[in-house]
Protein backbone atom coordinates (compact mmCIF):
# COMPACT_ATOMS: atom_id res chain seq x y z
CA MET A 1 40.60 -20.63 38.32
CA LYS A 2 41.51 -17.07 39.35
CA THR A 3 41.98 -15.79 42.81
CA SER A 4 43.93 -13.22 44.71
CA LEU A 5 46.68 -15.26 46.37
CA PHE A 6 48.71 -13.21 48.86
CA LEU A 7 49.21 -10.18 51.02
CA PHE A 8 52.60 -8.62 51.72
CA CYS A 9 53.95 -5.35 52.94
CA PHE A 10 56.56 -2.97 51.53
CA VAL A 11 58.37 -1.24 54.64
CA LEU A 12 59.84 2.28 53.67
CA THR A 13 62.42 3.70 55.95
CA TYR A 14 64.60 6.74 55.51
CA ARG A 15 67.99 8.15 56.50
CA ASN A 16 69.75 11.53 56.02
CA VAL A 17 71.94 11.70 53.05
CA ALA A 18 72.20 15.49 52.81
CA ALA A 19 70.46 18.31 54.44
CA TRP A 20 68.11 18.78 51.60
CA TRP A 21 67.57 15.15 50.71
CA ARG A 22 66.19 11.93 52.30
CA GLN A 23 66.91 8.71 50.59
CA LEU A 24 64.27 5.98 50.89
CA VAL A 25 65.38 2.42 51.39
CA PHE A 26 62.89 -0.20 50.39
CA PHE A 27 62.68 -3.53 51.82
CA LEU A 28 60.51 -6.46 50.85
CA LEU A 29 59.75 -8.28 54.00
CA LEU A 30 59.10 -11.71 52.74
CA GLY A 31 60.86 -15.00 52.52
CA ILE A 32 61.66 -16.43 49.19
CA ALA A 33 58.43 -18.56 49.27
CA ILE A 34 55.12 -18.70 50.91
CA PRO A 35 52.63 -21.62 51.08
CA PHE A 36 48.91 -20.52 50.48
CA THR A 37 45.77 -22.41 50.84
CA SER A 38 43.44 -22.41 47.76
CA LEU A 39 40.42 -24.27 46.67
CA SER A 40 40.41 -26.81 43.84
CA GLN A 41 37.62 -29.09 42.59
CA ASN A 42 38.35 -32.64 41.81
CA LYS A 43 36.14 -35.43 40.31
CA ILE A 44 35.26 -38.12 42.79
CA TRP A 45 33.01 -40.14 40.39
CA ASP A 46 30.69 -39.82 37.47
CA LYS A 47 27.73 -41.88 36.32
CA THR A 48 26.16 -42.24 33.05
CA ILE A 49 22.41 -43.21 33.13
CA GLY A 50 20.21 -43.79 30.14
CA GLY A 51 18.70 -46.03 27.42
CA THR A 52 19.03 -46.17 23.58
CA GLN A 53 16.91 -43.27 22.99
CA GLY A 54 17.21 -39.61 24.25
CA ASP A 55 17.33 -39.06 28.07
CA TYR A 56 17.67 -35.25 29.21
CA LEU A 57 18.33 -34.46 32.91
CA VAL A 58 16.69 -31.34 34.31
CA SER A 59 17.23 -31.49 37.94
CA VAL A 60 19.58 -33.13 40.53
CA GLN A 61 19.18 -32.62 44.36
CA GLN A 62 20.85 -34.42 47.25
CA THR A 63 18.31 -36.25 49.53
CA PRO A 64 18.60 -36.37 53.32
CA ASP A 65 19.97 -39.89 53.28
CA GLY A 66 23.07 -38.67 51.28
CA GLY A 67 21.82 -40.00 47.84
CA TYR A 68 20.31 -38.04 45.12
CA ILE A 69 17.06 -37.58 43.28
CA LEU A 70 17.27 -37.00 39.43
CA GLY A 71 14.36 -35.77 37.32
CA GLY A 72 14.20 -35.41 33.41
CA TYR A 73 12.36 -36.66 30.52
CA SER A 74 13.08 -39.75 28.42
CA SER A 75 11.95 -41.46 25.25
CA SER A 76 13.90 -44.73 26.05
CA SER A 77 12.50 -48.08 27.16
CA ASP A 78 15.71 -50.00 27.78
CA GLY A 79 19.17 -49.63 29.29
CA ASP A 80 19.11 -48.19 32.77
CA LYS A 81 15.23 -47.85 32.59
CA SER A 82 13.33 -50.30 34.23
CA GLU A 83 9.93 -49.40 32.64
CA THR A 84 8.90 -49.00 29.07
CA ASN A 85 7.92 -45.83 27.39
CA ARG A 86 4.09 -44.97 28.00
CA SER A 87 3.33 -44.04 24.38
CA LYS A 88 3.55 -46.01 21.11
CA CYS A 89 6.87 -45.60 19.24
CA ASN A 90 7.57 -45.63 15.41
CA ASP A 91 10.71 -46.90 14.01
CA GLU A 92 12.75 -43.76 14.69
CA TYR A 93 10.98 -41.83 17.51
CA CYS A 94 9.14 -42.13 20.87
CA THR A 95 7.50 -39.37 22.78
CA ASN A 96 9.04 -38.28 26.09
CA ASP A 97 7.70 -39.26 29.51
CA TYR A 98 8.86 -38.16 32.90
CA TRP A 99 11.81 -40.17 34.28
CA ILE A 100 12.88 -40.07 37.86
CA VAL A 101 15.99 -41.73 39.23
CA LYS A 102 16.92 -42.23 42.80
CA LEU A 103 20.72 -42.80 43.50
CA LYS A 104 22.69 -43.88 46.52
CA ALA A 105 25.43 -41.66 47.86
CA ASP A 106 28.09 -43.36 45.70
CA GLY A 107 25.97 -42.87 42.54
CA ALA A 108 24.65 -46.35 42.20
CA LYS A 109 21.03 -46.60 41.22
CA GLU A 110 18.57 -47.39 43.90
CA TRP A 111 15.38 -47.16 41.93
CA ASP A 112 13.81 -45.43 38.81
CA LYS A 113 10.16 -44.52 37.94
CA THR A 114 8.48 -43.59 34.51
CA PHE A 115 5.30 -41.39 34.44
CA GLY A 116 3.56 -40.49 31.26
CA GLY A 117 0.48 -40.77 29.03
CA ASN A 118 0.15 -41.57 25.27
CA LYS A 119 1.66 -38.16 24.03
CA GLU A 120 4.52 -35.89 24.89
CA ASP A 121 5.12 -35.27 28.64
CA LYS A 122 8.21 -33.05 29.48
CA LEU A 123 9.22 -32.65 33.15
CA THR A 124 10.67 -29.31 34.14
CA SER A 125 10.60 -29.52 38.08
CA VAL A 126 11.47 -31.90 40.89
CA VAL A 127 11.07 -30.82 44.45
CA GLN A 128 11.63 -32.84 47.63
CA ALA A 129 8.35 -32.66 49.85
CA SER A 130 8.22 -32.02 53.50
CA ASP A 131 6.82 -35.70 54.04
CA GLY A 132 9.82 -37.37 52.49
CA GLY A 133 8.37 -37.79 49.03
CA TYR A 134 8.64 -35.71 45.92
CA ILE A 135 6.46 -33.38 43.84
CA ILE A 136 7.24 -33.35 40.08
CA GLY A 137 5.85 -31.30 37.34
CA GLY A 138 6.00 -30.32 33.71
CA THR A 139 4.04 -29.99 30.48
CA SER A 140 1.76 -32.54 29.14
CA TYR A 141 0.08 -33.15 25.81
CA SER A 142 -1.45 -36.36 26.99
CA GLY A 143 -5.16 -37.07 27.67
CA LYS A 144 -6.62 -39.35 30.45
CA ASN A 145 -4.38 -42.57 29.87
CA GLY A 146 -1.25 -44.11 31.19
CA ASP A 147 -0.35 -42.40 34.49
CA LYS A 148 -2.58 -39.48 33.91
CA SER A 149 -5.80 -39.54 35.81
CA GLN A 150 -7.43 -36.44 34.36
CA GLY A 151 -8.20 -35.41 30.73
CA SER A 152 -6.42 -32.73 28.81
CA ARG A 153 -7.72 -29.18 29.12
CA GLY A 154 -6.40 -27.90 25.88
CA ASN A 155 -3.38 -28.26 23.66
CA SER A 156 -0.95 -28.62 26.56
CA ASP A 157 -1.31 -28.41 30.28
CA PHE A 158 0.52 -28.27 33.58
CA TRP A 159 0.87 -31.78 34.96
CA ILE A 160 2.09 -32.49 38.45
CA VAL A 161 2.65 -35.73 40.13
CA LYS A 162 3.13 -36.33 43.87
CA LEU A 163 5.32 -39.31 44.79
CA LYS A 164 5.80 -41.19 47.82
CA ALA A 165 9.36 -41.72 49.23
CA ASP A 166 9.83 -44.89 47.31
CA GLY A 167 8.81 -43.32 44.02
CA THR A 168 5.38 -44.77 43.75
CA LYS A 169 2.47 -42.27 42.76
CA ASP A 170 0.40 -40.80 45.43
CA TRP A 171 -1.71 -38.48 43.17
CA ASP A 172 -1.51 -36.42 40.18
CA LYS A 173 -3.35 -33.22 38.82
CA THR A 174 -3.80 -31.51 35.53
CA PHE A 175 -4.23 -27.82 35.17
CA GLY A 176 -4.90 -25.79 32.02
CA GLY A 177 -7.06 -23.68 29.78
CA LYS A 178 -8.21 -24.41 26.18
CA GLU A 179 -4.99 -23.40 24.44
CA GLU A 180 -1.18 -23.81 25.38
CA ASP A 181 -0.08 -23.78 28.98
CA GLU A 182 3.48 -24.61 29.94
CA LEU A 183 4.76 -25.38 33.40
CA SER A 184 8.21 -23.97 34.35
CA ALA A 185 8.67 -24.27 38.25
CA VAL A 186 7.03 -25.89 41.28
CA GLN A 187 7.85 -25.05 44.97
CA GLN A 188 6.30 -26.26 48.22
CA THR A 189 4.96 -23.62 50.43
CA ARG A 190 4.95 -23.05 54.08
CA ASP A 191 1.50 -24.46 54.61
CA GLY A 192 2.34 -27.70 53.06
CA GLY A 193 0.76 -26.90 49.61
CA TYR A 194 2.48 -26.02 46.39
CA VAL A 195 2.80 -23.17 44.07
CA LEU A 196 3.05 -23.79 40.41
CA GLY A 197 4.56 -21.20 37.89
CA GLY A 198 4.56 -21.17 33.96
CA THR A 199 3.21 -19.44 30.98
CA THR A 200 -0.33 -19.38 29.47
CA ASN A 201 -1.66 -18.64 26.13
CA SER A 202 -5.12 -19.67 27.28
CA GLY A 203 -7.88 -17.21 27.89
CA LYS A 204 -10.53 -17.74 30.77
CA SER A 205 -11.32 -21.39 30.37
CA GLY A 206 -10.76 -24.58 32.16
CA ASP A 207 -8.72 -23.91 35.36
CA LYS A 208 -7.95 -20.38 34.38
CA SER A 209 -10.05 -17.65 36.01
CA GLN A 210 -8.69 -14.67 33.99
CA ASP A 211 -8.91 -13.77 30.46
CA LYS A 212 -5.26 -12.71 30.16
CA TRP A 213 -2.06 -14.40 28.76
CA GLY A 214 1.48 -14.27 30.27
CA TYR A 215 2.85 -15.54 33.60
CA TRP A 216 0.39 -17.96 35.21
CA VAL A 217 0.65 -18.94 38.82
CA ILE A 218 -1.53 -21.49 40.59
CA LYS A 219 -1.58 -22.11 44.35
CA ILE A 220 -2.81 -25.65 45.50
CA ASP A 221 -3.17 -27.20 48.88
CA PRO A 222 -1.25 -30.47 50.05
CA LYS A 223 -3.80 -32.61 48.07
CA GLY A 224 -3.50 -30.77 44.86
CA THR A 225 -6.87 -28.73 45.02
CA LYS A 226 -6.53 -25.33 43.47
CA GLN A 227 -6.76 -22.47 45.98
CA TRP A 228 -6.30 -19.50 43.40
CA ASP A 229 -4.69 -18.70 40.26
CA LYS A 230 -3.37 -15.45 38.79
CA THR A 231 -2.22 -14.32 35.36
CA TYR A 232 0.32 -11.45 34.92
CA THR A 233 0.20 -10.17 31.34
CA GLY A 234 3.40 -9.57 29.50
CA GLY A 235 5.87 -12.28 29.19
CA GLN A 236 7.07 -15.98 29.50
CA LEU A 237 8.00 -17.22 32.99
CA VAL A 238 10.95 -19.33 33.68
CA ALA A 239 11.61 -19.12 37.40
CA LEU A 240 9.56 -18.92 40.59
CA GLN A 241 10.97 -18.75 44.07
CA LEU A 242 9.53 -18.32 47.68
CA THR A 243 10.43 -15.10 49.50
CA PRO A 244 11.02 -14.62 53.25
CA ASP A 245 7.71 -12.61 53.63
CA GLY A 246 5.70 -15.47 52.41
CA GLY A 247 5.24 -14.26 48.92
CA TYR A 248 6.76 -15.15 45.65
CA ILE A 249 9.26 -13.75 43.04
CA LEU A 250 8.69 -14.52 39.41
CA GLY A 251 11.26 -14.16 36.67
CA GLY A 252 11.11 -14.52 32.93
CA TYR A 253 11.50 -12.49 29.78
CA SER A 254 9.32 -10.16 27.81
CA GLY A 255 9.11 -8.33 24.48
CA SER A 256 5.90 -6.52 25.59
CA GLY A 257 5.35 -2.83 26.18
CA ILE A 258 3.33 -1.51 29.08
CA THR A 259 0.42 -3.74 30.12
CA GLU A 260 -2.04 -3.68 33.05
CA ASP A 261 0.70 -5.86 34.97
CA LYS A 262 3.92 -4.46 33.25
CA THR A 263 4.67 -0.98 34.32
CA GLU A 264 7.63 -0.30 31.92
CA ASP A 265 8.03 -0.36 28.18
CA VAL A 266 10.38 -2.63 26.38
CA LYS A 267 13.95 -1.36 26.24
CA SER A 268 14.39 -1.95 22.57
CA ARG A 269 12.08 -1.99 19.54
CA GLU A 270 14.53 -3.17 16.78
CA LEU A 271 12.26 -5.82 15.24
CA GLU A 272 10.75 -5.07 11.79
CA ASP A 273 7.14 -5.25 13.17
CA GLY A 274 8.00 -2.86 15.85
CA SER A 275 7.82 -5.36 18.50
CA GLY A 276 10.35 -5.53 21.31
CA ILE A 277 13.40 -7.75 21.75
CA TYR A 278 13.33 -9.61 24.94
CA ASP A 279 14.15 -8.02 28.35
CA TYR A 280 14.31 -9.66 31.73
CA TRP A 281 11.07 -9.19 33.54
CA VAL A 282 10.84 -9.75 37.29
CA VAL A 283 7.49 -9.53 39.20
CA LYS A 284 7.03 -9.75 43.09
CA ILE A 285 3.77 -10.99 44.48
CA ASP A 286 2.37 -11.56 47.93
CA ALA A 287 1.16 -14.81 49.51
CA ASN A 288 -2.25 -14.32 47.75
CA GLY A 289 -0.87 -13.54 44.48
CA ILE A 290 -1.41 -9.66 44.63
CA LYS A 291 1.48 -7.98 42.48
CA GLN A 292 3.72 -5.58 44.80
CA TRP A 293 6.15 -4.54 42.15
CA ASP A 294 7.77 -5.40 38.85
CA ASN A 295 10.82 -4.38 37.08
CA THR A 296 11.90 -4.67 33.32
CA ILE A 297 15.71 -4.91 32.95
CA GLY A 298 17.55 -4.92 29.75
CA GLY A 299 19.77 -3.35 27.18
CA LYS A 300 19.39 -2.43 23.60
CA GLY A 301 19.71 -6.06 22.45
CA TYR A 302 18.23 -9.54 23.28
CA ASP A 303 18.21 -10.24 27.07
CA GLN A 304 16.47 -13.64 27.97
CA LEU A 305 16.45 -14.53 31.69
CA ASN A 306 16.84 -18.26 32.67
CA THR A 307 17.50 -18.30 36.37
CA LEU A 308 16.59 -16.37 39.59
CA GLN A 309 17.39 -16.94 43.10
CA PRO A 310 16.78 -15.07 46.38
CA THR A 311 20.08 -13.82 48.02
CA ASN A 312 21.03 -13.75 51.76
CA ASP A 313 20.74 -9.90 51.96
CA GLY A 314 16.97 -10.12 51.07
CA GLY A 315 17.67 -9.32 47.35
CA TYR A 316 17.75 -11.34 44.24
CA ILE A 317 20.31 -12.74 41.78
CA LEU A 318 19.29 -12.94 38.07
CA GLY A 319 20.97 -14.42 35.08
CA GLY A 320 20.36 -15.09 31.50
CA LEU A 321 21.58 -14.80 27.86
CA SER A 322 22.38 -11.39 26.42
CA ASP A 323 23.65 -9.80 23.18
CA SER A 324 23.16 -6.21 24.45
CA ASN A 325 26.27 -4.06 24.88
CA VAL A 326 26.45 -1.13 27.46
CA SER A 327 22.99 0.52 27.18
CA GLU A 328 19.93 1.05 29.28
CA ASP A 329 20.31 -1.05 32.39
CA ARG A 330 23.35 -2.94 31.31
CA THR A 331 26.80 -1.42 32.47
CA ALA A 332 28.87 -4.65 31.90
CA GLU A 333 31.01 -4.74 28.63
CA SER A 334 30.26 -7.62 26.30
CA LYS A 335 32.39 -10.70 26.61
CA SER A 336 31.33 -12.02 23.16
CA TRP A 337 28.58 -11.81 20.51
CA ARG A 338 26.28 -13.30 23.07
CA ASP A 339 27.29 -13.74 26.80
CA TYR A 340 25.70 -14.52 30.24
CA TRP A 341 24.39 -11.32 32.02
CA ILE A 342 24.18 -11.53 35.86
CA VAL A 343 22.15 -8.82 37.51
CA LYS A 344 21.89 -8.39 41.39
CA LEU A 345 18.73 -6.70 42.74
CA GLU A 346 18.02 -5.06 46.03
CA ALA A 347 15.02 -6.30 48.05
CA ASN A 348 12.89 -3.70 46.29
CA GLY A 349 13.83 -4.72 42.84
CA THR A 350 16.25 -1.90 41.94
CA ILE A 351 19.68 -2.85 40.38
CA ALA A 352 22.72 -3.14 42.71
CA TRP A 353 25.21 -4.25 40.08
CA ASP A 354 25.53 -6.22 36.97
CA LYS A 355 28.28 -8.44 35.48
CA ALA A 356 28.97 -10.23 32.18
CA VAL A 357 30.47 -13.80 31.99
CA GLU A 358 31.50 -15.52 28.68
CA GLY A 359 29.35 -18.61 27.98
CA HIS A 360 26.11 -20.07 29.01
CA ILE A 361 25.01 -20.43 32.76
CA ALA A 362 22.08 -22.68 33.59
CA SER A 363 21.89 -22.00 37.45
CA ILE A 364 23.14 -19.55 40.13
CA GLN A 365 23.25 -20.36 43.85
CA GLN A 366 24.56 -18.26 46.83
CA THR A 367 26.94 -19.93 49.05
CA SER A 368 26.85 -19.60 52.87
CA ASP A 369 29.76 -17.09 52.81
CA GLY A 370 27.98 -14.85 50.37
CA ASP A 371 29.74 -15.95 47.32
CA TYR A 372 27.86 -17.29 44.20
CA MET A 373 28.39 -20.43 42.45
CA LEU A 374 27.55 -20.49 38.75
CA ALA A 375 27.06 -23.64 36.59
CA GLY A 376 26.54 -23.98 32.86
CA GLY A 377 28.57 -24.65 29.81
CA ASP A 378 30.24 -23.16 26.76
CA PRO A 379 28.93 -20.41 24.63
CA GLU A 380 25.87 -21.43 22.74
CA PRO A 381 25.94 -25.29 22.61
CA VAL A 382 22.98 -25.36 20.36
CA TYR A 383 24.07 -27.38 17.37
CA PRO A 384 23.34 -31.25 17.50
CA TYR A 385 26.98 -32.07 16.85
CA SER A 386 28.74 -29.18 18.67
CA LYS A 387 31.29 -29.74 21.45
CA SER A 388 30.48 -28.38 24.86
CA ASP A 389 31.54 -29.05 28.43
CA TYR A 390 30.03 -28.64 32.03
CA ARG A 391 31.39 -25.39 33.52
CA LEU A 392 31.49 -24.47 37.27
CA LEU A 393 32.46 -20.88 38.42
CA ARG A 394 32.77 -19.13 41.77
CA MET A 395 31.96 -15.39 41.99
CA ARG A 396 32.34 -12.92 44.75
CA ALA A 397 29.40 -10.96 46.03
CA ASP A 398 30.61 -7.92 44.01
CA GLY A 399 30.64 -9.94 40.75
CA THR A 400 34.33 -10.70 40.59
CA ILE A 401 35.18 -14.13 39.13
CA ILE A 402 37.45 -16.16 41.63
CA TRP A 403 37.81 -19.34 39.76
CA GLU A 404 36.27 -21.63 37.14
CA LYS A 405 36.56 -25.35 36.22
CA THR A 406 35.43 -27.39 33.32
CA PHE A 407 34.34 -31.11 33.03
CA GLY A 408 33.52 -32.95 29.77
CA GLY A 409 34.13 -35.61 27.27
CA LYS A 410 34.85 -35.35 23.38
CA GLY A 411 31.14 -34.61 22.62
CA LYS A 412 28.44 -32.45 23.61
CA ASP A 413 27.84 -32.19 27.46
CA VAL A 414 25.14 -29.74 28.64
CA LEU A 415 24.82 -28.96 32.43
CA SER A 416 21.55 -28.22 33.63
CA SER A 417 21.54 -28.39 37.48
CA PHE A 418 23.95 -28.45 40.40
CA GLN A 419 23.82 -28.33 44.21
CA GLN A 420 26.36 -28.04 46.97
CA THR A 421 26.34 -31.28 49.08
CA GLN A 422 26.44 -32.02 52.59
CA ASP A 423 30.27 -32.74 52.48
CA GLY A 424 30.93 -29.27 51.14
CA GLY A 425 31.47 -30.56 47.48
CA TYR A 426 29.07 -30.35 44.61
CA ILE A 427 26.89 -32.53 42.45
CA LEU A 428 26.66 -31.55 38.73
CA GLY A 429 23.83 -32.94 36.56
CA GLY A 430 23.01 -32.68 33.01
CA SER A 431 22.99 -34.49 29.68
CA SER A 432 25.78 -35.95 27.69
CA ALA A 433 26.36 -37.49 24.20
CA SER A 434 30.09 -38.15 24.79
CA ILE A 435 31.79 -41.52 24.75
CA ILE A 436 34.49 -42.58 27.28
CA SER A 437 36.99 -39.76 27.12
CA GLY A 438 37.97 -36.72 29.30
CA ASP A 439 36.20 -36.78 32.50
CA LYS A 440 33.55 -39.38 31.32
CA SER A 441 34.35 -42.89 32.57
CA GLU A 442 31.26 -44.63 30.94
CA ASN A 443 30.13 -44.88 27.36
CA ARG A 444 26.86 -43.34 26.04
CA ARG A 445 23.98 -45.75 26.11
CA GLY A 446 22.50 -44.66 22.61
CA LYS A 447 23.42 -43.32 19.28
CA TYR A 448 24.82 -39.87 18.77
CA PRO A 449 23.42 -37.24 19.04
CA ASP A 450 20.87 -38.77 21.51
CA MET A 451 21.95 -37.98 25.19
CA ASP A 452 22.01 -39.62 28.54
CA TYR A 453 21.78 -38.44 32.11
CA TRP A 454 25.45 -37.61 33.28
CA LEU A 455 26.22 -37.00 36.85
CA ILE A 456 29.52 -35.81 38.40
CA LYS A 457 30.53 -35.71 41.97
CA VAL A 458 33.24 -33.21 42.80
CA ASP A 459 34.97 -32.27 46.01
CA ASN A 460 36.23 -28.98 47.41
CA ARG A 461 39.38 -29.73 49.12
CA ASN A 462 41.94 -27.21 50.58
CA LEU A 463 45.19 -27.63 48.70
CA LYS A 464 48.42 -25.96 49.37
CA GLN A 465 50.28 -24.28 46.71
CA LEU A 466 53.73 -22.21 46.83
CA ILE A 467 53.99 -18.50 45.86
CA THR A 468 57.53 -17.47 45.13
CA PHE A 469 58.76 -13.84 45.31
CA PRO A 470 62.26 -12.78 44.06
CA PRO A 471 63.71 -10.49 46.81
CA ILE A 472 63.78 -6.59 46.31
CA LEU A 473 66.44 -5.10 48.82
CA TYR A 474 66.76 -1.34 48.13
CA GLN A 475 64.89 1.22 46.34
CA ASN A 476 65.33 5.04 46.64
CA LEU A 477 62.74 7.62 46.56
CA GLY A 478 62.79 9.35 43.24
CA ASN A 479 63.97 6.23 41.59
CA ALA A 480 62.33 5.17 38.30
CA PRO A 481 59.17 2.84 38.87
CA PHE A 482 60.15 -0.82 39.16
CA SER A 483 58.32 -4.09 38.61
CA LEU A 484 57.00 -6.62 41.13
CA SER A 485 56.99 -10.31 40.30
CA ALA A 486 55.67 -13.49 41.93
CA THR A 487 54.87 -16.99 40.61
CA ALA A 488 52.41 -19.54 41.88
CA SER A 489 52.87 -23.36 41.77
CA SER A 490 49.51 -23.74 40.54
CA GLY A 491 50.12 -21.65 37.57
CA LEU A 492 47.44 -19.22 38.65
CA PRO A 493 47.97 -15.51 37.66
CA ILE A 494 48.84 -13.13 40.28
CA THR A 495 47.84 -9.44 40.46
CA PHE A 496 48.97 -6.61 42.64
CA SER A 497 47.19 -3.61 44.28
CA VAL A 498 48.14 -0.96 46.86
CA VAL A 499 46.06 -1.38 50.03
CA ASN A 500 47.50 1.91 51.64
CA GLY A 501 50.72 4.08 51.81
CA PRO A 502 52.43 6.56 49.49
CA ALA A 503 52.67 4.35 46.26
CA LYS A 504 50.90 3.90 42.90
CA ILE A 505 50.71 0.74 41.02
CA SER A 506 49.87 -0.08 37.44
CA GLY A 507 49.71 -3.75 36.45
CA ASN A 508 52.90 -4.91 38.18
CA THR A 509 54.77 -1.62 38.12
CA ILE A 510 55.05 0.32 41.43
CA THR A 511 56.04 3.99 41.90
CA LEU A 512 56.97 5.32 45.37
CA THR A 513 55.48 8.86 46.12
CA GLY A 514 56.44 9.31 49.64
CA VAL A 515 58.24 8.27 52.88
CA CYS A 516 56.37 5.63 55.09
CA CYS A 517 54.97 2.13 55.02
CA THR A 518 53.24 0.82 51.86
CA GLU A 519 50.93 -2.18 52.09
CA THR A 520 50.45 -3.95 48.80
CA LYS A 521 48.46 -7.08 48.00
């Protein structure tokens, strides 16, 4: 956790020593110690939820009653699951179903529901609907069976399920073409309907009205009837958000050159076949799906976007994995062989600034005061038996990291979703294969490396800490530069900078350059 901790003032006065010389007397106007208020994140409770097979959390959101709605996918039929898997299992493996869990405010389970067909059904999105229910969606390989009321359109389809407030199914809809179609995001629209976003490899067939591949967006009414669909050639969509003008912002990644929808070439063509390494690709469309602008953003390496959010100033914040160094659109120095690259866009899609953070970030959200909360994990927790932790960071609007905090057990813990809660704290959600250890108070439900849902509730309390400054009594103008020092009871680092006045500072060394007051923080 890093933060600027204090503000103090150097008062410079002078007196005559000779006709040609003025001596400067330097006073540090501080007591020996100052209490300062800082923010710290402390675990209130944690919950492990799962069965003996794999259970992978995708989304956690707080509900109006103070509880939480969890969504993910599961191949379990026991443990905390009240319903069996919808497909047939062999001795070692079951296919996944959607698994929704409702928790009370204290983390106790209220109910859970399983939805699926006879093949793989993997949830990617959960949204609280305006009627108090939920809309859930993902990608399905199942036909008309189990909880699916419509047949498969092709190899894989978008599958959305509308739930009532108690988790019972209201209706479900399948959308797809004759090939592969994968859903990434669902949002409720102002008219009470929904917009779906994902990636299509299908041509004009089934529910697809255009013979194109790439980003695929479908607008449906409150009952799930399709109103329109649009395809934007050139990439794989991972994020979709509503914009204040009633339109939508789409984000994903692309290795394509210029297409009918993509106005810029790929930033790097380093692959042997001449194709491009991925760049971020952002597309702005209006309420009817008409493209307004697009922007290809990347360096000379691999840049794969995984999150996008509108910001309070009308712009957008993007984040994803990158192994580019300073090149093309990237001005941020690399933190490791592959780091997390954050890009702030203006409302028209132009780049405002960019920042690199070590590790993997799953989600970015802006706070009410204009800062950003980043949640993710350690660098590249991709191997089945690797160790990783949940990671929470706070970043200023200019990209400066203020503090960070990690939570984890002895095993692999991968954070996928977080949200600020009504009490000002945070709910963190992801998947864990850890036993009781570290921050994990409950054992895993299945065998390693199968994972369970793991929830952590943290607070955001104001804590006082003591900042101590050794006194500096006198300094003369013309003396050699001297050092400043201070210590924090929290152990946090302290940095110094000159706000105004005749002085220069490098690290913690200050040089007086004139006669007056110098303000340093």
